């Protein structure tokens, strides 16, 4: 598991099974039991807290990683790799997190 991968996760109801974007730093997957993820959804609202995703990231349809819906989940709930967000897009995630958390210094990335 690595930061910025999209993987399947099975979370408790009402979330259920869905793709998630891994947000925890890559080295932490070797020792943490819980990690930070953002839900991936096909409900696109066009808000700055979303990062657009789609076929090039391994998803079957247009989707977003929604930074308003981040979770700390058990690493064991995470399974198969869907795809990866390329390095040039990492800033989009940080910027969206800036909007979700109202952190001004990240909104300008």
N, C-alpha and C. Protein backbone atom coordinates (compact mmCIF):
# COMPACT_ATOMS: atom_id res chain seq x y z
N UNK A 1 0.84 -1.18 0.00
CA UNK A 1 0.00 0.00 0.00
C UNK A 1 0.89 1.24 0.00
N UNK A 2 0.43 2.25 -0.75
CA UNK A 2 1.18 3.50 -0.86
C UNK A 2 0.22 4.68 -0.91
N UNK A 3 0.72 5.81 -0.41
CA UNK A 3 -0.06 7.04 -0.48
C UNK A 3 -0.41 7.33 -1.94
N UNK A 4 -1.61 7.82 -2.15
CA UNK A 4 -2.17 8.21 -3.45
C UNK A 4 -2.61 7.02 -4.31
N UNK A 5 -2.63 5.83 -3.75
CA UNK A 5 -3.25 4.70 -4.44
C UNK A 5 -4.76 4.76 -4.21
N UNK A 6 -5.49 4.21 -5.17
CA UNK A 6 -6.93 4.02 -5.00
C UNK A 6 -7.13 2.52 -4.83
N UNK A 7 -7.80 2.15 -3.74
CA UNK A 7 -8.02 0.74 -3.43
C UNK A 7 -9.46 0.54 -2.98
N UNK A 8 -9.89 -0.70 -3.05
CA UNK A 8 -11.19 -1.06 -2.51
C UNK A 8 -11.09 -1.14 -1.00
N UNK A 9 -12.13 -0.67 -0.32
CA UNK A 9 -12.21 -0.81 1.13
C UNK A 9 -13.63 -1.20 1.51
N UNK A 10 -13.73 -2.01 2.54
CA UNK A 10 -15.04 -2.39 3.06
C UNK A 10 -15.16 -1.78 4.45
N UNK A 11 -15.99 -0.73 4.54
CA UNK A 11 -16.19 0.00 5.79
C UNK A 11 -17.56 -0.32 6.35
N UNK A 12 -17.75 -0.06 7.64
CA UNK A 12 -19.07 -0.30 8.24
C UNK A 12 -20.16 0.52 7.55
N UNK A 13 -21.40 0.06 7.71
CA UNK A 13 -22.54 0.79 7.18
C UNK A 13 -22.61 2.15 7.84
N UNK A 14 -23.02 3.18 7.18
CA UNK A 14 -23.68 3.19 5.87
C UNK A 14 -22.72 3.29 4.69
N UNK A 15 -21.42 3.40 4.93
CA UNK A 15 -20.48 3.59 3.82
C UNK A 15 -20.38 2.34 2.96
N UNK A 16 -20.06 1.20 3.56
CA UNK A 16 -19.98 -0.05 2.82
C UNK A 16 -18.72 -0.18 1.98
N UNK A 17 -18.81 -1.01 0.94
CA UNK A 17 -17.65 -1.27 0.07
C UNK A 17 -17.58 -0.20 -1.02
N UNK A 18 -16.41 0.41 -1.12
CA UNK A 18 -16.22 1.45 -2.13
C UNK A 18 -14.73 1.70 -2.33
N UNK A 19 -14.38 2.34 -3.44
CA UNK A 19 -12.98 2.73 -3.61
C UNK A 19 -12.65 3.88 -2.65
N UNK A 20 -11.39 3.91 -2.22
CA UNK A 20 -10.91 4.99 -1.37
C UNK A 20 -9.54 5.43 -1.88
N UNK A 21 -9.20 6.68 -1.63
CA UNK A 21 -7.88 7.21 -1.94
C UNK A 21 -7.06 7.17 -0.66
N UNK A 22 -5.92 6.50 -0.70
CA UNK A 22 -5.07 6.39 0.48
C UNK A 22 -4.34 7.71 0.71
N UNK A 23 -4.44 8.25 1.93
CA UNK A 23 -3.84 9.54 2.26
C UNK A 23 -2.66 9.44 3.22
N UNK A 24 -2.59 8.38 4.01
CA UNK A 24 -1.48 8.25 4.96
C UNK A 24 -0.16 8.17 4.20
N UNK A 25 0.91 8.67 4.81
CA UNK A 25 2.22 8.64 4.16
C UNK A 25 2.65 7.19 3.94
N UNK A 26 3.33 6.93 2.87
CA UNK A 26 3.67 5.57 2.46
C UNK A 26 4.37 4.74 3.55
N UNK A 27 5.40 5.24 4.24
CA UNK A 27 6.06 4.38 5.23
C UNK A 27 5.14 3.90 6.36
N UNK A 28 4.07 4.63 6.64
CA UNK A 28 3.20 4.28 7.76
C UNK A 28 2.42 2.98 7.53
N UNK A 29 2.25 2.56 6.30
CA UNK A 29 1.50 1.34 6.03
C UNK A 29 2.23 0.09 6.55
N UNK A 30 3.52 0.21 6.79
CA UNK A 30 4.30 -0.92 7.29
C UNK A 30 4.04 -1.20 8.77
N UNK A 31 3.56 -0.18 9.52
CA UNK A 31 3.43 -0.40 10.96
C UNK A 31 2.11 0.06 11.58
N UNK A 32 1.34 0.89 10.92
CA UNK A 32 0.08 1.35 11.50
C UNK A 32 -1.04 0.34 11.28
N UNK A 33 -1.92 0.22 12.24
CA UNK A 33 -3.10 -0.64 12.10
C UNK A 33 -4.27 0.14 11.50
N UNK A 34 -4.24 1.48 11.64
CA UNK A 34 -5.29 2.33 11.08
C UNK A 34 -4.64 3.38 10.19
N UNK A 35 -5.32 3.70 9.09
CA UNK A 35 -4.79 4.66 8.12
C UNK A 35 -5.88 5.64 7.70
N UNK A 36 -5.46 6.71 7.05
CA UNK A 36 -6.39 7.76 6.62
C UNK A 36 -6.72 7.57 5.14
N UNK A 37 -8.02 7.63 4.82
CA UNK A 37 -8.48 7.49 3.44
C UNK A 37 -9.55 8.54 3.14
N UNK A 38 -9.74 8.81 1.87
CA UNK A 38 -10.85 9.65 1.41
C UNK A 38 -11.78 8.79 0.56
N UNK A 39 -13.08 8.95 0.78
CA UNK A 39 -14.06 8.21 -0.01
C UNK A 39 -14.00 8.64 -1.47
N UNK A 40 -14.16 7.68 -2.36
CA UNK A 40 -14.30 7.95 -3.79
C UNK A 40 -15.77 7.70 -4.13
N UNK A 41 -16.36 8.65 -4.84
CA UNK A 41 -17.78 8.57 -5.16
C UNK A 41 -18.04 9.03 -6.59
N UNK A 42 -19.14 8.58 -7.15
CA UNK A 42 -19.54 9.06 -8.48
C UNK A 42 -20.43 10.30 -8.37
N UNK A 43 -20.77 10.69 -7.15
CA UNK A 43 -21.56 11.92 -6.95
C UNK A 43 -20.62 13.12 -7.01
N UNK A 44 -20.61 13.77 -8.15
CA UNK A 44 -19.71 14.90 -8.40
C UNK A 44 -20.47 16.20 -8.21
N UNK A 45 -20.00 17.02 -7.28
CA UNK A 45 -20.67 18.29 -6.99
C UNK A 45 -19.91 19.49 -7.54
N UNK A 46 -18.68 19.29 -7.98
CA UNK A 46 -17.91 20.40 -8.54
C UNK A 46 -17.44 21.39 -7.50
N UNK A 47 -17.12 20.92 -6.30
CA UNK A 47 -16.67 21.79 -5.22
C UNK A 47 -15.16 21.64 -5.05
N UNK A 48 -14.49 22.61 -4.46
CA UNK A 48 -13.02 22.54 -4.35
C UNK A 48 -12.51 21.44 -3.43
N UNK A 49 -13.37 20.81 -2.67
CA UNK A 49 -12.96 19.72 -1.79
C UNK A 49 -12.87 18.38 -2.53
N UNK A 50 -13.15 18.38 -3.82
CA UNK A 50 -13.13 17.16 -4.62
C UNK A 50 -11.92 17.13 -5.54
N UNK A 51 -11.43 15.91 -5.78
CA UNK A 51 -10.38 15.67 -6.77
C UNK A 51 -10.98 14.74 -7.81
N UNK A 52 -11.03 15.21 -9.05
CA UNK A 52 -11.64 14.40 -10.11
C UNK A 52 -10.78 13.19 -10.44
N UNK A 53 -11.47 12.07 -10.63
CA UNK A 53 -10.83 10.80 -10.96
C UNK A 53 -11.62 10.13 -12.07
N UNK A 54 -11.02 9.14 -12.71
CA UNK A 54 -11.74 8.44 -13.77
C UNK A 54 -10.97 7.25 -14.30
N UNK A 55 -11.14 6.98 -15.58
CA UNK A 55 -10.54 5.80 -16.20
C UNK A 55 -9.02 5.76 -16.09
N UNK A 56 -8.36 6.91 -16.21
CA UNK A 56 -6.90 6.88 -16.16
C UNK A 56 -6.38 6.48 -14.78
N UNK A 57 -7.24 6.58 -13.76
CA UNK A 57 -6.88 6.12 -12.41
C UNK A 57 -7.45 4.74 -12.11
N UNK A 58 -8.01 4.07 -13.12
CA UNK A 58 -8.48 2.71 -12.95
C UNK A 58 -9.95 2.56 -12.59
N UNK A 59 -10.67 3.66 -12.54
CA UNK A 59 -12.10 3.61 -12.20
C UNK A 59 -12.93 3.44 -13.46
N UNK A 60 -14.10 2.84 -13.32
CA UNK A 60 -14.93 2.56 -14.49
C UNK A 60 -15.74 3.75 -14.96
N UNK A 61 -15.88 4.77 -14.10
CA UNK A 61 -16.65 5.95 -14.49
C UNK A 61 -16.10 7.19 -13.80
N UNK A 62 -16.54 8.35 -14.26
CA UNK A 62 -16.12 9.62 -13.67
C UNK A 62 -16.48 9.62 -12.18
N UNK A 63 -15.52 9.99 -11.36
CA UNK A 63 -15.68 9.97 -9.92
C UNK A 63 -14.87 11.10 -9.31
N UNK A 64 -14.97 11.24 -7.99
CA UNK A 64 -14.14 12.17 -7.25
C UNK A 64 -13.70 11.54 -5.94
N UNK A 65 -12.54 11.96 -5.47
CA UNK A 65 -12.15 11.69 -4.09
C UNK A 65 -12.65 12.90 -3.32
N UNK A 66 -13.50 12.66 -2.36
CA UNK A 66 -14.15 13.74 -1.62
C UNK A 66 -13.43 13.95 -0.29
N UNK A 67 -12.72 15.07 -0.15
CA UNK A 67 -11.96 15.35 1.06
C UNK A 67 -12.85 15.76 2.23
N UNK A 68 -14.13 16.01 1.96
CA UNK A 68 -15.08 16.24 3.06
C UNK A 68 -15.44 14.92 3.73
N UNK A 69 -15.10 13.81 3.10
CA UNK A 69 -15.40 12.49 3.65
C UNK A 69 -14.12 11.68 3.81
N UNK A 70 -13.30 12.10 4.78
CA UNK A 70 -12.09 11.35 5.09
C UNK A 70 -12.35 10.52 6.35
N UNK A 71 -11.69 9.38 6.41
CA UNK A 71 -11.90 8.44 7.51
C UNK A 71 -10.56 7.89 7.99
N UNK A 72 -10.50 7.53 9.24
CA UNK A 72 -9.42 6.70 9.76
C UNK A 72 -10.02 5.30 9.86
N UNK A 73 -9.44 4.37 9.10
CA UNK A 73 -10.02 3.03 9.06
C UNK A 73 -8.95 1.98 9.34
N UNK A 74 -9.39 0.80 9.70
CA UNK A 74 -8.47 -0.32 9.90
C UNK A 74 -7.84 -0.70 8.57
N UNK A 75 -6.54 -0.86 8.59
CA UNK A 75 -5.82 -1.21 7.36
C UNK A 75 -6.35 -2.52 6.78
N UNK A 76 -6.81 -3.42 7.64
CA UNK A 76 -7.31 -4.71 7.18
C UNK A 76 -8.58 -4.59 6.35
N UNK A 77 -9.26 -3.46 6.41
CA UNK A 77 -10.47 -3.23 5.60
C UNK A 77 -10.13 -2.91 4.14
N UNK A 78 -8.88 -2.63 3.87
CA UNK A 78 -8.44 -2.21 2.53
C UNK A 78 -7.98 -3.44 1.76
N UNK A 79 -8.39 -3.50 0.48
CA UNK A 79 -8.03 -4.67 -0.33
C UNK A 79 -7.45 -4.25 -1.67
N UNK A 80 -8.01 -4.76 -2.74
CA UNK A 80 -7.43 -4.70 -4.08
C UNK A 80 -7.14 -3.29 -4.59
N UNK A 81 -6.04 -3.21 -5.33
CA UNK A 81 -5.64 -1.97 -5.98
C UNK A 81 -6.55 -1.69 -7.16
N UNK A 82 -7.02 -0.45 -7.25
CA UNK A 82 -7.83 0.01 -8.38
C UNK A 82 -6.95 0.78 -9.34
N UNK A 83 -6.16 1.69 -8.80
CA UNK A 83 -5.30 2.54 -9.62
C UNK A 83 -4.48 3.47 -8.74
N UNK A 84 -3.80 4.40 -9.41
CA UNK A 84 -2.90 5.31 -8.71
C UNK A 84 -3.10 6.72 -9.25
N UNK A 85 -3.05 7.68 -8.36
CA UNK A 85 -3.09 9.08 -8.75
C UNK A 85 -1.65 9.50 -9.05
N UNK A 86 -1.38 9.94 -10.27
CA UNK A 86 -0.03 10.29 -10.68
C UNK A 86 0.58 11.43 -9.89
N UNK A 87 1.92 11.47 -9.82
CA UNK A 87 2.63 12.48 -9.04
C UNK A 87 2.25 13.92 -9.37
N UNK A 88 1.94 14.21 -10.61
CA UNK A 88 1.57 15.57 -10.99
C UNK A 88 0.24 16.00 -10.39
N UNK A 89 -0.53 15.03 -9.86
CA UNK A 89 -1.85 15.34 -9.32
C UNK A 89 -1.88 15.39 -7.79
N UNK A 90 -0.76 15.13 -7.15
CA UNK A 90 -0.71 15.13 -5.68
C UNK A 90 -1.09 16.49 -5.10
N UNK A 91 -0.70 17.55 -5.79
CA UNK A 91 -1.04 18.91 -5.32
C UNK A 91 -2.54 19.12 -5.28
N UNK A 92 -3.26 18.50 -6.20
CA UNK A 92 -4.72 18.63 -6.22
C UNK A 92 -5.32 18.08 -4.93
N UNK A 93 -4.77 16.96 -4.46
CA UNK A 93 -5.25 16.36 -3.22
C UNK A 93 -4.97 17.29 -2.05
N UNK A 94 -3.76 17.82 -1.98
CA UNK A 94 -3.39 18.71 -0.88
C UNK A 94 -4.24 19.98 -0.89
N UNK A 95 -4.50 20.50 -2.08
CA UNK A 95 -5.33 21.70 -2.19
C UNK A 95 -6.76 21.40 -1.74
N UNK A 96 -7.31 20.26 -2.17
CA UNK A 96 -8.67 19.88 -1.77
C UNK A 96 -8.75 19.68 -0.26
N UNK A 97 -7.71 19.10 0.34
CA UNK A 97 -7.67 18.97 1.79
C UNK A 97 -7.63 20.33 2.46
N UNK A 98 -6.92 21.26 1.86
CA UNK A 98 -6.88 22.62 2.38
C UNK A 98 -8.26 23.24 2.45
N UNK A 99 -9.06 23.03 1.42
CA UNK A 99 -10.44 23.54 1.42
C UNK A 99 -11.30 22.80 2.44
N UNK A 100 -11.15 21.48 2.51
CA UNK A 100 -11.97 20.70 3.43
C UNK A 100 -11.69 21.05 4.89
N UNK A 101 -10.43 21.34 5.19
CA UNK A 101 -10.03 21.62 6.57
C UNK A 101 -9.89 23.11 6.85
N UNK A 102 -10.13 23.93 5.84
CA UNK A 102 -10.01 25.39 5.93
C UNK A 102 -8.60 25.81 6.36
N UNK A 103 -7.61 25.19 5.72
CA UNK A 103 -6.21 25.51 5.94
C UNK A 103 -5.74 26.38 4.77
N UNK A 104 -5.69 27.66 4.99
CA UNK A 104 -5.37 28.64 3.95
C UNK A 104 -4.08 28.33 3.21
N UNK A 105 -3.04 27.88 3.94
CA UNK A 105 -1.74 27.64 3.30
C UNK A 105 -1.78 26.52 2.27
N UNK A 106 -2.77 25.64 2.34
CA UNK A 106 -2.89 24.58 1.33
C UNK A 106 -3.84 24.98 0.19
N UNK A 107 -4.67 25.96 0.41
CA UNK A 107 -5.63 26.36 -0.64
C UNK A 107 -4.95 27.00 -1.83
N UNK A 108 -3.74 27.51 -1.67
CA UNK A 108 -3.06 28.23 -2.75
C UNK A 108 -2.10 27.36 -3.55
N UNK A 109 -2.04 26.08 -3.25
CA UNK A 109 -1.12 25.18 -4.00
C UNK A 109 -1.50 25.09 -5.45
